[in-house]
N, C-alpha and C. Protein backbone atom coordinates (compact mmCIF):
# COMPACT_ATOMS: atom_id res chain seq x y z
N MET A 1 0.82 -1.21 0.00
CA MET A 1 0.00 0.00 0.00
C MET A 1 0.86 1.26 0.00
N ILE A 2 1.85 1.31 0.93
CA ILE A 2 2.82 2.41 0.92
C ILE A 2 4.22 1.83 0.85
N ARG A 3 5.03 2.42 -0.02
CA ARG A 3 6.37 1.88 -0.24
C ARG A 3 7.41 3.00 -0.18
N PHE A 4 8.45 2.76 0.62
CA PHE A 4 9.61 3.66 0.69
C PHE A 4 10.76 3.03 -0.07
N THR A 5 11.42 3.81 -0.90
CA THR A 5 12.59 3.33 -1.63
C THR A 5 13.72 4.35 -1.50
N ASN A 6 14.78 3.95 -0.82
CA ASN A 6 15.95 4.82 -0.63
C ASN A 6 15.56 6.18 -0.07
N TYR A 7 14.58 6.18 0.84
CA TYR A 7 14.14 7.45 1.44
C TYR A 7 15.17 7.94 2.46
N SER A 8 15.43 9.24 2.42
CA SER A 8 16.24 9.87 3.47
C SER A 8 15.87 11.34 3.56
N LYS A 9 16.02 11.86 4.74
CA LYS A 9 15.75 13.27 4.98
C LYS A 9 16.88 13.85 5.81
N SER A 10 17.46 14.92 5.31
CA SER A 10 18.55 15.60 6.02
C SER A 10 18.21 17.07 6.18
N TYR A 11 18.71 17.65 7.25
CA TYR A 11 18.66 19.10 7.44
C TYR A 11 20.10 19.59 7.41
N GLY A 12 20.46 20.22 6.31
CA GLY A 12 21.85 20.57 6.14
C GLY A 12 22.67 19.30 5.94
N SER A 13 23.71 19.16 6.71
CA SER A 13 24.56 17.96 6.61
C SER A 13 24.13 16.86 7.58
N LYS A 14 23.07 17.11 8.36
CA LYS A 14 22.65 16.14 9.37
C LYS A 14 21.56 15.23 8.83
N LEU A 15 21.85 13.93 8.81
CA LEU A 15 20.85 12.94 8.40
C LEU A 15 19.87 12.73 9.55
N VAL A 16 18.58 12.93 9.28
CA VAL A 16 17.56 12.81 10.32
C VAL A 16 16.85 11.47 10.25
N LEU A 17 16.46 11.06 9.06
CA LEU A 17 15.75 9.80 8.87
C LEU A 17 16.27 9.09 7.64
N GLN A 18 16.25 7.75 7.68
CA GLN A 18 16.68 6.98 6.53
C GLN A 18 15.90 5.67 6.48
N VAL A 19 15.32 5.38 5.33
CA VAL A 19 14.58 4.13 5.12
C VAL A 19 15.03 3.57 3.77
N PRO A 20 15.98 2.65 3.76
CA PRO A 20 16.45 2.09 2.49
C PRO A 20 15.34 1.42 1.69
N GLY A 21 14.46 0.69 2.38
CA GLY A 21 13.35 0.05 1.70
C GLY A 21 12.34 -0.47 2.72
N LEU A 22 11.08 -0.16 2.49
CA LEU A 22 10.03 -0.60 3.41
C LEU A 22 8.70 -0.58 2.69
N ALA A 23 7.94 -1.67 2.81
CA ALA A 23 6.61 -1.75 2.22
C ALA A 23 5.61 -2.11 3.31
N LEU A 24 4.58 -1.30 3.45
CA LEU A 24 3.54 -1.51 4.45
C LEU A 24 2.23 -1.87 3.76
N LYS A 25 1.62 -2.95 4.22
CA LYS A 25 0.32 -3.35 3.69
C LYS A 25 -0.78 -2.49 4.30
N THR A 26 -1.99 -2.64 3.80
CA THR A 26 -3.13 -1.91 4.33
C THR A 26 -3.32 -2.25 5.80
N GLY A 27 -3.50 -1.23 6.63
CA GLY A 27 -3.68 -1.44 8.06
C GLY A 27 -3.55 -0.16 8.84
N VAL A 28 -3.46 -0.29 10.16
CA VAL A 28 -3.29 0.84 11.06
C VAL A 28 -1.92 0.71 11.71
N TYR A 29 -1.13 1.80 11.66
CA TYR A 29 0.22 1.79 12.19
C TYR A 29 0.38 2.90 13.22
N TRP A 30 1.05 2.54 14.30
CA TRP A 30 1.33 3.50 15.38
C TRP A 30 2.79 3.92 15.25
N LEU A 31 3.01 5.19 14.99
CA LEU A 31 4.34 5.75 14.84
C LEU A 31 4.83 6.23 16.19
N LYS A 32 5.84 5.56 16.73
CA LYS A 32 6.31 5.87 18.08
C LYS A 32 7.73 6.42 18.05
N GLY A 33 8.02 7.30 19.00
CA GLY A 33 9.36 7.85 19.10
C GLY A 33 9.39 9.00 20.10
N GLU A 34 10.56 9.30 20.60
CA GLU A 34 10.71 10.40 21.53
C GLU A 34 10.50 11.73 20.81
N ASN A 35 10.27 12.80 21.59
CA ASN A 35 10.17 14.13 21.01
C ASN A 35 11.46 14.46 20.26
N GLY A 36 11.30 14.95 19.04
CA GLY A 36 12.47 15.30 18.23
C GLY A 36 13.07 14.14 17.48
N SER A 37 12.42 12.98 17.51
CA SER A 37 12.99 11.80 16.85
C SER A 37 12.69 11.74 15.37
N GLY A 38 11.77 12.58 14.89
CA GLY A 38 11.51 12.63 13.46
C GLY A 38 10.14 12.16 13.03
N LYS A 39 9.22 11.98 13.98
CA LYS A 39 7.88 11.48 13.63
C LYS A 39 7.15 12.44 12.69
N THR A 40 7.12 13.72 13.07
CA THR A 40 6.43 14.70 12.24
C THR A 40 7.13 14.88 10.90
N THR A 41 8.45 14.82 10.91
CA THR A 41 9.20 14.91 9.65
C THR A 41 8.81 13.79 8.71
N LEU A 42 8.66 12.57 9.24
CA LEU A 42 8.26 11.45 8.40
C LEU A 42 6.85 11.65 7.86
N LEU A 43 5.92 12.07 8.71
CA LEU A 43 4.55 12.27 8.27
C LEU A 43 4.47 13.36 7.21
N LYS A 44 5.21 14.45 7.40
CA LYS A 44 5.20 15.53 6.41
C LYS A 44 5.84 15.08 5.09
N SER A 45 6.82 14.19 5.17
CA SER A 45 7.41 13.64 3.94
C SER A 45 6.38 12.82 3.18
N ILE A 46 5.66 11.96 3.91
CA ILE A 46 4.64 11.12 3.28
C ILE A 46 3.53 11.98 2.69
N ALA A 47 3.21 13.07 3.39
CA ALA A 47 2.15 13.97 2.91
C ALA A 47 2.59 14.82 1.74
N GLY A 48 3.89 14.85 1.46
CA GLY A 48 4.40 15.65 0.35
C GLY A 48 4.56 17.11 0.69
N LEU A 49 4.73 17.41 1.97
CA LEU A 49 4.83 18.81 2.40
C LEU A 49 6.27 19.30 2.51
N ILE A 50 7.22 18.39 2.56
CA ILE A 50 8.63 18.79 2.64
C ILE A 50 9.43 17.94 1.65
N PRO A 51 10.54 18.48 1.13
CA PRO A 51 11.36 17.72 0.18
C PRO A 51 12.15 16.62 0.88
N PHE A 52 12.49 15.59 0.15
CA PHE A 52 13.29 14.48 0.68
C PHE A 52 13.96 13.79 -0.49
N ASP A 53 14.93 12.95 -0.19
CA ASP A 53 15.59 12.14 -1.21
C ASP A 53 14.95 10.76 -1.25
N GLY A 54 14.98 10.14 -2.42
CA GLY A 54 14.38 8.84 -2.58
C GLY A 54 12.95 8.95 -3.05
N SER A 55 12.15 7.90 -2.79
CA SER A 55 10.79 7.91 -3.27
C SER A 55 9.83 7.31 -2.26
N ILE A 56 8.60 7.85 -2.27
CA ILE A 56 7.49 7.33 -1.48
C ILE A 56 6.32 7.17 -2.43
N ALA A 57 5.67 6.02 -2.39
CA ALA A 57 4.53 5.76 -3.25
C ALA A 57 3.39 5.14 -2.45
N VAL A 58 2.18 5.52 -2.77
CA VAL A 58 0.97 4.94 -2.18
C VAL A 58 0.17 4.32 -3.30
N GLN A 59 -0.13 3.04 -3.17
CA GLN A 59 -0.81 2.28 -4.22
C GLN A 59 -0.11 2.46 -5.57
N ASP A 60 1.23 2.40 -5.51
CA ASP A 60 2.09 2.51 -6.69
C ASP A 60 2.03 3.88 -7.36
N VAL A 61 1.48 4.87 -6.68
CA VAL A 61 1.47 6.24 -7.19
C VAL A 61 2.56 7.02 -6.45
N SER A 62 3.54 7.53 -7.17
CA SER A 62 4.68 8.21 -6.57
C SER A 62 4.37 9.70 -6.36
N ILE A 63 4.74 10.20 -5.18
CA ILE A 63 4.54 11.62 -4.89
C ILE A 63 5.33 12.49 -5.85
N LYS A 64 6.49 12.02 -6.32
CA LYS A 64 7.33 12.84 -7.20
C LYS A 64 6.93 12.73 -8.67
N GLN A 65 6.42 11.58 -9.06
CA GLN A 65 6.07 11.38 -10.47
C GLN A 65 4.63 11.79 -10.77
N GLU A 66 3.72 11.60 -9.82
CA GLU A 66 2.31 11.94 -10.02
C GLU A 66 1.77 12.68 -8.79
N PRO A 67 2.28 13.88 -8.53
CA PRO A 67 1.96 14.58 -7.28
C PRO A 67 0.48 14.88 -7.09
N ILE A 68 -0.24 15.24 -8.16
CA ILE A 68 -1.65 15.58 -8.01
C ILE A 68 -2.46 14.34 -7.67
N LYS A 69 -2.24 13.26 -8.40
CA LYS A 69 -2.94 12.01 -8.11
C LYS A 69 -2.59 11.49 -6.73
N TYR A 70 -1.33 11.62 -6.34
CA TYR A 70 -0.86 11.16 -5.04
C TYR A 70 -1.60 11.89 -3.92
N ARG A 71 -1.74 13.19 -4.04
CA ARG A 71 -2.36 13.98 -2.97
C ARG A 71 -3.86 13.71 -2.85
N GLN A 72 -4.46 13.12 -3.87
CA GLN A 72 -5.85 12.68 -3.76
C GLN A 72 -5.96 11.43 -2.89
N LEU A 73 -4.85 10.71 -2.77
CA LEU A 73 -4.86 9.46 -2.02
C LEU A 73 -4.48 9.63 -0.56
N VAL A 74 -3.82 10.74 -0.23
CA VAL A 74 -3.24 10.91 1.11
C VAL A 74 -3.81 12.14 1.79
N SER A 75 -4.24 11.97 3.05
CA SER A 75 -4.68 13.09 3.88
C SER A 75 -3.76 13.21 5.08
N TYR A 76 -3.58 14.42 5.55
CA TYR A 76 -2.68 14.66 6.70
C TYR A 76 -3.34 15.62 7.67
N ALA A 77 -3.41 15.21 8.92
CA ALA A 77 -3.92 16.08 9.99
C ALA A 77 -2.77 16.35 10.95
N GLU A 78 -2.28 17.57 10.95
CA GLU A 78 -1.13 17.90 11.79
C GLU A 78 -1.52 18.04 13.25
N ALA A 79 -0.52 18.09 14.12
CA ALA A 79 -0.78 18.09 15.56
C ALA A 79 -1.44 19.39 16.02
N GLU A 80 -0.97 20.52 15.51
CA GLU A 80 -1.49 21.81 15.95
C GLU A 80 -1.93 22.62 14.73
N PRO A 81 -3.19 22.48 14.35
CA PRO A 81 -3.67 23.13 13.12
C PRO A 81 -3.74 24.64 13.24
N LEU A 82 -3.45 25.32 12.14
CA LEU A 82 -3.57 26.77 12.05
C LEU A 82 -4.37 27.11 10.80
N TYR A 83 -5.39 27.92 10.96
CA TYR A 83 -6.23 28.34 9.84
C TYR A 83 -6.38 29.86 9.87
N PRO A 84 -6.69 30.47 8.73
CA PRO A 84 -6.98 31.91 8.73
C PRO A 84 -8.17 32.21 9.65
N ALA A 85 -7.99 33.13 10.56
CA ALA A 85 -9.00 33.40 11.59
C ALA A 85 -10.29 33.95 11.02
N PHE A 86 -10.23 34.59 9.84
CA PHE A 86 -11.43 35.25 9.30
C PHE A 86 -12.34 34.29 8.53
N LEU A 87 -11.86 33.05 8.27
CA LEU A 87 -12.69 32.06 7.59
C LEU A 87 -13.53 31.29 8.59
N THR A 88 -14.62 30.72 8.11
CA THR A 88 -15.41 29.82 8.95
C THR A 88 -15.00 28.38 8.67
N GLY A 89 -15.40 27.49 9.57
CA GLY A 89 -15.14 26.08 9.33
C GLY A 89 -15.79 25.61 8.05
N ASN A 90 -16.99 26.12 7.77
CA ASN A 90 -17.69 25.74 6.54
C ASN A 90 -16.94 26.17 5.30
N ASP A 91 -16.24 27.32 5.38
CA ASP A 91 -15.43 27.77 4.24
C ASP A 91 -14.35 26.74 3.92
N ILE A 92 -13.66 26.27 4.95
CA ILE A 92 -12.57 25.31 4.76
C ILE A 92 -13.13 23.97 4.28
N ILE A 93 -14.23 23.55 4.90
CA ILE A 93 -14.84 22.27 4.52
C ILE A 93 -15.30 22.30 3.06
N SER A 94 -15.89 23.41 2.62
CA SER A 94 -16.35 23.53 1.23
C SER A 94 -15.18 23.45 0.26
N PHE A 95 -14.07 24.07 0.62
CA PHE A 95 -12.88 24.02 -0.23
C PHE A 95 -12.39 22.58 -0.37
N TYR A 96 -12.30 21.87 0.74
CA TYR A 96 -11.86 20.48 0.70
C TYR A 96 -12.85 19.61 -0.07
N GLN A 97 -14.14 19.87 0.12
CA GLN A 97 -15.15 19.09 -0.58
C GLN A 97 -14.98 19.22 -2.09
N GLU A 98 -14.71 20.44 -2.55
CA GLU A 98 -14.55 20.67 -3.98
C GLU A 98 -13.27 20.05 -4.52
N THR A 99 -12.16 20.27 -3.81
CA THR A 99 -10.88 19.79 -4.32
C THR A 99 -10.76 18.28 -4.25
N ARG A 100 -11.49 17.66 -3.32
CA ARG A 100 -11.41 16.21 -3.17
C ARG A 100 -12.64 15.50 -3.74
N SER A 101 -13.52 16.26 -4.40
CA SER A 101 -14.73 15.67 -5.00
C SER A 101 -15.46 14.79 -4.00
N ALA A 102 -15.66 15.33 -2.81
CA ALA A 102 -16.27 14.56 -1.71
C ALA A 102 -17.78 14.73 -1.70
N ALA A 103 -18.46 13.71 -1.25
CA ALA A 103 -19.92 13.75 -1.13
C ALA A 103 -20.31 14.52 0.13
N GLN A 104 -21.33 15.36 0.02
CA GLN A 104 -21.79 16.13 1.15
C GLN A 104 -22.22 15.23 2.31
N GLU A 105 -22.84 14.10 1.98
CA GLU A 105 -23.33 13.19 3.01
C GLU A 105 -22.17 12.61 3.83
N GLN A 106 -21.06 12.32 3.15
CA GLN A 106 -19.91 11.77 3.84
C GLN A 106 -19.32 12.77 4.82
N ILE A 107 -19.18 14.02 4.38
CA ILE A 107 -18.64 15.07 5.24
C ILE A 107 -19.56 15.31 6.43
N LYS A 108 -20.85 15.36 6.18
CA LYS A 108 -21.82 15.62 7.24
C LYS A 108 -21.79 14.51 8.29
N GLU A 109 -21.61 13.28 7.84
CA GLU A 109 -21.58 12.15 8.78
C GLU A 109 -20.42 12.29 9.76
N VAL A 110 -19.24 12.62 9.23
CA VAL A 110 -18.07 12.76 10.10
C VAL A 110 -18.18 14.02 10.96
N ALA A 111 -18.64 15.12 10.36
CA ALA A 111 -18.78 16.38 11.10
C ALA A 111 -19.80 16.24 12.23
N ASP A 112 -20.89 15.55 11.96
CA ASP A 112 -21.90 15.34 13.01
C ASP A 112 -21.34 14.45 14.12
N ALA A 113 -20.62 13.42 13.75
CA ALA A 113 -20.08 12.49 14.74
C ALA A 113 -19.11 13.18 15.70
N LEU A 114 -18.29 14.09 15.16
CA LEU A 114 -17.30 14.79 15.98
C LEU A 114 -17.84 16.07 16.59
N GLY A 115 -19.08 16.43 16.27
CA GLY A 115 -19.68 17.63 16.83
C GLY A 115 -19.28 18.91 16.14
N VAL A 116 -18.67 18.81 14.96
CA VAL A 116 -18.20 20.00 14.25
C VAL A 116 -19.36 20.80 13.66
N SER A 117 -20.43 20.12 13.30
CA SER A 117 -21.58 20.80 12.67
C SER A 117 -22.17 21.88 13.57
N SER A 118 -21.98 21.74 14.86
CA SER A 118 -22.58 22.70 15.80
C SER A 118 -21.86 24.03 15.84
N PHE A 119 -20.61 24.09 15.30
CA PHE A 119 -19.87 25.36 15.35
C PHE A 119 -19.20 25.72 14.02
N SER A 120 -19.39 24.91 12.97
CA SER A 120 -18.66 25.12 11.73
C SER A 120 -19.03 26.42 11.01
N SER A 121 -20.17 27.04 11.38
CA SER A 121 -20.55 28.31 10.76
C SER A 121 -19.84 29.50 11.42
N GLN A 122 -19.17 29.26 12.53
CA GLN A 122 -18.46 30.33 13.24
C GLN A 122 -17.08 30.57 12.63
N LYS A 123 -16.56 31.78 12.81
CA LYS A 123 -15.22 32.09 12.32
C LYS A 123 -14.18 31.33 13.13
N ILE A 124 -13.16 30.86 12.45
CA ILE A 124 -12.16 30.01 13.08
C ILE A 124 -11.40 30.74 14.19
N GLY A 125 -11.33 32.06 14.11
CA GLY A 125 -10.67 32.83 15.15
C GLY A 125 -11.32 32.68 16.51
N THR A 126 -12.55 32.20 16.55
CA THR A 126 -13.26 32.01 17.82
C THR A 126 -13.10 30.59 18.35
N TYR A 127 -12.44 29.72 17.61
CA TYR A 127 -12.35 28.31 17.99
C TYR A 127 -11.37 28.09 19.14
N SER A 128 -11.68 27.13 19.99
CA SER A 128 -10.71 26.63 20.95
C SER A 128 -9.78 25.66 20.21
N SER A 129 -8.71 25.23 20.88
CA SER A 129 -7.79 24.29 20.24
C SER A 129 -8.49 22.96 19.95
N GLY A 130 -9.40 22.56 20.82
CA GLY A 130 -10.14 21.32 20.59
C GLY A 130 -11.06 21.42 19.39
N MET A 131 -11.71 22.56 19.23
CA MET A 131 -12.59 22.76 18.07
C MET A 131 -11.79 22.74 16.77
N ALA A 132 -10.63 23.40 16.78
CA ALA A 132 -9.78 23.41 15.59
C ALA A 132 -9.29 22.01 15.25
N LYS A 133 -8.96 21.21 16.28
CA LYS A 133 -8.51 19.84 16.03
C LYS A 133 -9.63 19.00 15.42
N LYS A 134 -10.85 19.17 15.91
CA LYS A 134 -11.99 18.43 15.35
C LYS A 134 -12.21 18.79 13.88
N LEU A 135 -12.11 20.07 13.57
CA LEU A 135 -12.26 20.50 12.17
C LEU A 135 -11.19 19.85 11.30
N LEU A 136 -9.97 19.83 11.78
CA LEU A 136 -8.88 19.22 11.02
C LEU A 136 -9.13 17.75 10.77
N LEU A 137 -9.69 17.06 11.76
CA LEU A 137 -9.98 15.65 11.59
C LEU A 137 -11.06 15.43 10.53
N VAL A 138 -12.08 16.30 10.51
CA VAL A 138 -13.10 16.21 9.47
C VAL A 138 -12.45 16.34 8.09
N LEU A 139 -11.55 17.29 7.95
CA LEU A 139 -10.87 17.50 6.67
C LEU A 139 -10.04 16.28 6.28
N ALA A 140 -9.40 15.65 7.26
CA ALA A 140 -8.57 14.48 6.97
C ALA A 140 -9.39 13.32 6.42
N PHE A 141 -10.62 13.19 6.88
CA PHE A 141 -11.48 12.10 6.44
C PHE A 141 -12.26 12.44 5.17
N THR A 142 -12.17 13.69 4.71
CA THR A 142 -12.95 14.13 3.55
C THR A 142 -12.47 13.48 2.26
N GLY A 143 -13.42 13.05 1.45
CA GLY A 143 -13.09 12.43 0.17
C GLY A 143 -12.92 10.92 0.31
N ASN A 144 -12.01 10.38 -0.48
CA ASN A 144 -11.78 8.95 -0.48
C ASN A 144 -10.28 8.65 -0.34
N PRO A 145 -9.65 9.15 0.75
CA PRO A 145 -8.22 8.92 0.92
C PRO A 145 -7.93 7.44 1.18
N LYS A 146 -6.82 6.96 0.66
CA LYS A 146 -6.39 5.59 0.91
C LYS A 146 -5.41 5.52 2.07
N LEU A 147 -4.84 6.68 2.42
CA LEU A 147 -3.92 6.74 3.55
C LEU A 147 -4.19 8.03 4.30
N ILE A 148 -4.46 7.93 5.60
CA ILE A 148 -4.69 9.10 6.45
C ILE A 148 -3.59 9.15 7.50
N LEU A 149 -2.90 10.27 7.56
CA LEU A 149 -1.81 10.50 8.50
C LEU A 149 -2.33 11.39 9.63
N LEU A 150 -2.25 10.90 10.86
CA LEU A 150 -2.77 11.65 12.01
C LEU A 150 -1.64 11.88 13.01
N ASP A 151 -1.26 13.14 13.18
CA ASP A 151 -0.18 13.51 14.10
C ASP A 151 -0.80 13.97 15.41
N GLU A 152 -0.62 13.17 16.46
CA GLU A 152 -1.19 13.44 17.79
C GLU A 152 -2.69 13.78 17.70
N PRO A 153 -3.50 12.90 17.14
CA PRO A 153 -4.91 13.23 16.92
C PRO A 153 -5.75 13.30 18.19
N PHE A 154 -5.26 12.71 19.30
CA PHE A 154 -6.08 12.64 20.51
C PHE A 154 -5.90 13.83 21.44
N ILE A 155 -4.87 14.65 21.23
CA ILE A 155 -4.65 15.78 22.13
C ILE A 155 -5.72 16.84 21.90
N THR A 156 -6.12 17.48 22.97
CA THR A 156 -7.10 18.58 23.02
C THR A 156 -8.53 18.15 22.73
N LEU A 157 -8.77 16.86 22.47
CA LEU A 157 -10.14 16.42 22.22
C LEU A 157 -10.89 16.19 23.53
N ASP A 158 -12.20 16.43 23.51
CA ASP A 158 -13.00 16.14 24.69
C ASP A 158 -13.26 14.64 24.77
N GLN A 159 -13.86 14.22 25.89
CA GLN A 159 -14.04 12.80 26.14
C GLN A 159 -14.92 12.12 25.09
N GLU A 160 -15.96 12.81 24.65
CA GLU A 160 -16.85 12.21 23.66
C GLU A 160 -16.11 11.95 22.35
N ALA A 161 -15.32 12.94 21.91
CA ALA A 161 -14.57 12.78 20.66
C ALA A 161 -13.48 11.71 20.81
N LEU A 162 -12.92 11.57 22.01
CA LEU A 162 -11.90 10.56 22.24
C LEU A 162 -12.45 9.15 22.04
N HIS A 163 -13.74 8.98 22.30
CA HIS A 163 -14.37 7.68 22.10
C HIS A 163 -14.80 7.49 20.65
N ILE A 164 -15.16 8.60 19.99
CA ILE A 164 -15.68 8.52 18.62
C ILE A 164 -14.57 8.31 17.60
N LEU A 165 -13.42 8.96 17.79
CA LEU A 165 -12.35 8.90 16.79
C LEU A 165 -11.87 7.47 16.51
N PRO A 166 -11.61 6.64 17.53
CA PRO A 166 -11.21 5.26 17.22
C PRO A 166 -12.28 4.50 16.42
N ASP A 167 -13.54 4.79 16.67
CA ASP A 167 -14.61 4.14 15.90
C ASP A 167 -14.55 4.57 14.44
N LEU A 168 -14.29 5.87 14.20
CA LEU A 168 -14.16 6.35 12.82
C LEU A 168 -12.98 5.69 12.12
N ILE A 169 -11.87 5.60 12.82
CA ILE A 169 -10.68 4.97 12.24
C ILE A 169 -10.97 3.52 11.89
N SER A 170 -11.61 2.81 12.78
CA SER A 170 -11.94 1.40 12.52
C SER A 170 -12.89 1.27 11.35
N SER A 171 -13.88 2.17 11.27
CA SER A 171 -14.86 2.13 10.19
C SER A 171 -14.19 2.34 8.84
N TYR A 172 -13.28 3.31 8.76
CA TYR A 172 -12.60 3.60 7.49
C TYR A 172 -11.60 2.50 7.14
N THR A 173 -11.00 1.89 8.16
CA THR A 173 -10.08 0.78 7.91
C THR A 173 -10.81 -0.37 7.24
N GLN A 174 -12.02 -0.62 7.67
CA GLN A 174 -12.82 -1.71 7.08
C GLN A 174 -13.16 -1.41 5.62
N LYS A 175 -13.12 -0.14 5.23
CA LYS A 175 -13.38 0.25 3.85
C LYS A 175 -12.11 0.24 3.01
N GLY A 176 -10.96 -0.09 3.62
CA GLY A 176 -9.71 -0.17 2.88
C GLY A 176 -8.77 1.00 3.05
N THR A 177 -9.09 1.92 3.96
CA THR A 177 -8.20 3.06 4.24
C THR A 177 -7.16 2.66 5.28
N SER A 178 -5.92 3.07 5.06
CA SER A 178 -4.85 2.82 6.02
C SER A 178 -4.57 4.07 6.83
N PHE A 179 -3.98 3.88 8.00
CA PHE A 179 -3.66 5.00 8.89
C PHE A 179 -2.24 4.84 9.42
N ILE A 180 -1.53 5.96 9.49
CA ILE A 180 -0.30 6.05 10.26
C ILE A 180 -0.54 7.13 11.30
N ILE A 181 -0.47 6.74 12.57
CA ILE A 181 -0.87 7.62 13.66
C ILE A 181 0.31 7.84 14.59
N SER A 182 0.67 9.08 14.80
CA SER A 182 1.68 9.44 15.79
C SER A 182 0.96 9.86 17.06
N SER A 183 1.22 9.18 18.16
CA SER A 183 0.52 9.50 19.39
C SER A 183 1.32 9.04 20.60
N HIS A 184 1.34 9.88 21.64
CA HIS A 184 1.93 9.47 22.91
C HIS A 184 0.92 8.73 23.77
N GLN A 185 -0.34 8.72 23.32
CA GLN A 185 -1.40 8.05 24.05
C GLN A 185 -1.72 6.72 23.41
N PRO A 186 -1.81 5.65 24.20
CA PRO A 186 -2.14 4.34 23.62
C PRO A 186 -3.58 4.29 23.14
N PHE A 187 -3.83 3.50 22.13
CA PHE A 187 -5.19 3.31 21.63
C PHE A 187 -5.34 1.83 21.30
N ASP A 188 -5.36 1.03 22.36
CA ASP A 188 -5.31 -0.42 22.22
C ASP A 188 -6.49 -1.01 21.48
N THR A 189 -7.61 -0.30 21.46
CA THR A 189 -8.80 -0.84 20.79
C THR A 189 -8.56 -1.04 19.30
N LEU A 190 -7.59 -0.31 18.73
CA LEU A 190 -7.30 -0.43 17.30
C LEU A 190 -6.26 -1.52 17.00
N LYS A 191 -5.54 -1.96 18.04
CA LYS A 191 -4.51 -2.98 17.88
C LYS A 191 -3.57 -2.67 16.71
N PRO A 192 -2.94 -1.50 16.72
CA PRO A 192 -2.10 -1.12 15.58
C PRO A 192 -0.76 -1.84 15.56
N ALA A 193 -0.22 -1.99 14.37
CA ALA A 193 1.18 -2.37 14.26
C ALA A 193 2.02 -1.17 14.68
N THR A 194 3.27 -1.39 15.02
CA THR A 194 4.10 -0.32 15.57
C THR A 194 5.31 -0.05 14.69
N ILE A 195 5.50 1.23 14.36
CA ILE A 195 6.71 1.68 13.70
C ILE A 195 7.46 2.54 14.69
N THR A 196 8.69 2.17 15.03
CA THR A 196 9.48 2.96 15.96
C THR A 196 10.45 3.84 15.19
N VAL A 197 10.47 5.12 15.55
CA VAL A 197 11.32 6.08 14.87
C VAL A 197 12.47 6.48 15.79
N SER A 198 13.68 6.41 15.29
CA SER A 198 14.84 6.93 16.01
C SER A 198 15.42 8.05 15.17
N ASN A 199 16.54 8.58 15.59
CA ASN A 199 17.14 9.69 14.84
C ASN A 199 17.71 9.24 13.49
N GLN A 200 17.90 7.95 13.31
CA GLN A 200 18.55 7.51 12.07
C GLN A 200 17.71 6.52 11.26
N THR A 201 16.97 5.65 11.91
CA THR A 201 16.32 4.58 11.16
C THR A 201 14.88 4.41 11.59
N ILE A 202 14.13 3.71 10.76
CA ILE A 202 12.75 3.33 11.07
C ILE A 202 12.69 1.80 11.00
N ASN A 203 12.18 1.18 12.06
CA ASN A 203 12.07 -0.26 12.09
C ASN A 203 10.65 -0.67 12.33
N LEU A 204 10.09 -1.49 11.46
CA LEU A 204 8.77 -2.05 11.67
C LEU A 204 8.88 -3.15 12.69
N GLN A 205 8.23 -2.99 13.85
CA GLN A 205 8.45 -3.92 14.95
C GLN A 205 7.28 -4.89 15.18
N ALA A 206 6.18 -4.70 14.49
CA ALA A 206 5.04 -5.58 14.72
C ALA A 206 4.39 -5.95 13.40
N ALA A 207 3.64 -7.01 13.43
CA ALA A 207 2.96 -7.43 12.21
C ALA A 207 1.84 -6.47 11.85
N VAL A 208 1.49 -6.45 10.60
CA VAL A 208 0.39 -5.62 10.15
C VAL A 208 -0.90 -6.12 10.79
N CYS A 209 -1.72 -5.18 11.29
CA CYS A 209 -2.95 -5.61 11.95
C CYS A 209 -4.00 -5.94 10.90
């Protein structure tokens, strides 16, 4: 489903991450590592947000060879979302709906489940950090992504959303969507495989779930 070939990321002369070769099947993966170990760097590389050496492909679609098609397959929800304060949540959702050719019913289902529909008409500048995180999660699930990257998705969420998010992940996994989740909080109900990140290498330590 996702394949790394001679992947490496350096900042200046310092090598941060290196993956000579790795292929992950469809499933849920827990990306673990200490602060500063490169988890977010890896997720941003997969999302196509930062340059890197080598290649990353999802369903045999390469980010470097077919960037537009690739970005239709991959969604990324960062740990601390930032949006223009003068826009409403509905403005952002409408943009994502158009660019991802998403069905209104699908977006509404996720937005209702996470409680976003109750405040999405308000300007984002009035949002709490938890509200902004919920909006970002709705955007990550919008469309028909084959891989969803979630960076610390459980932080700042209220208790209700903490129970709903694993159910959403499980539901989408059953439809064939894969997840790579960076989190300091365990989520045993999903029984994810584990990818451990160090300053130099990535090792797959568990079987695909």
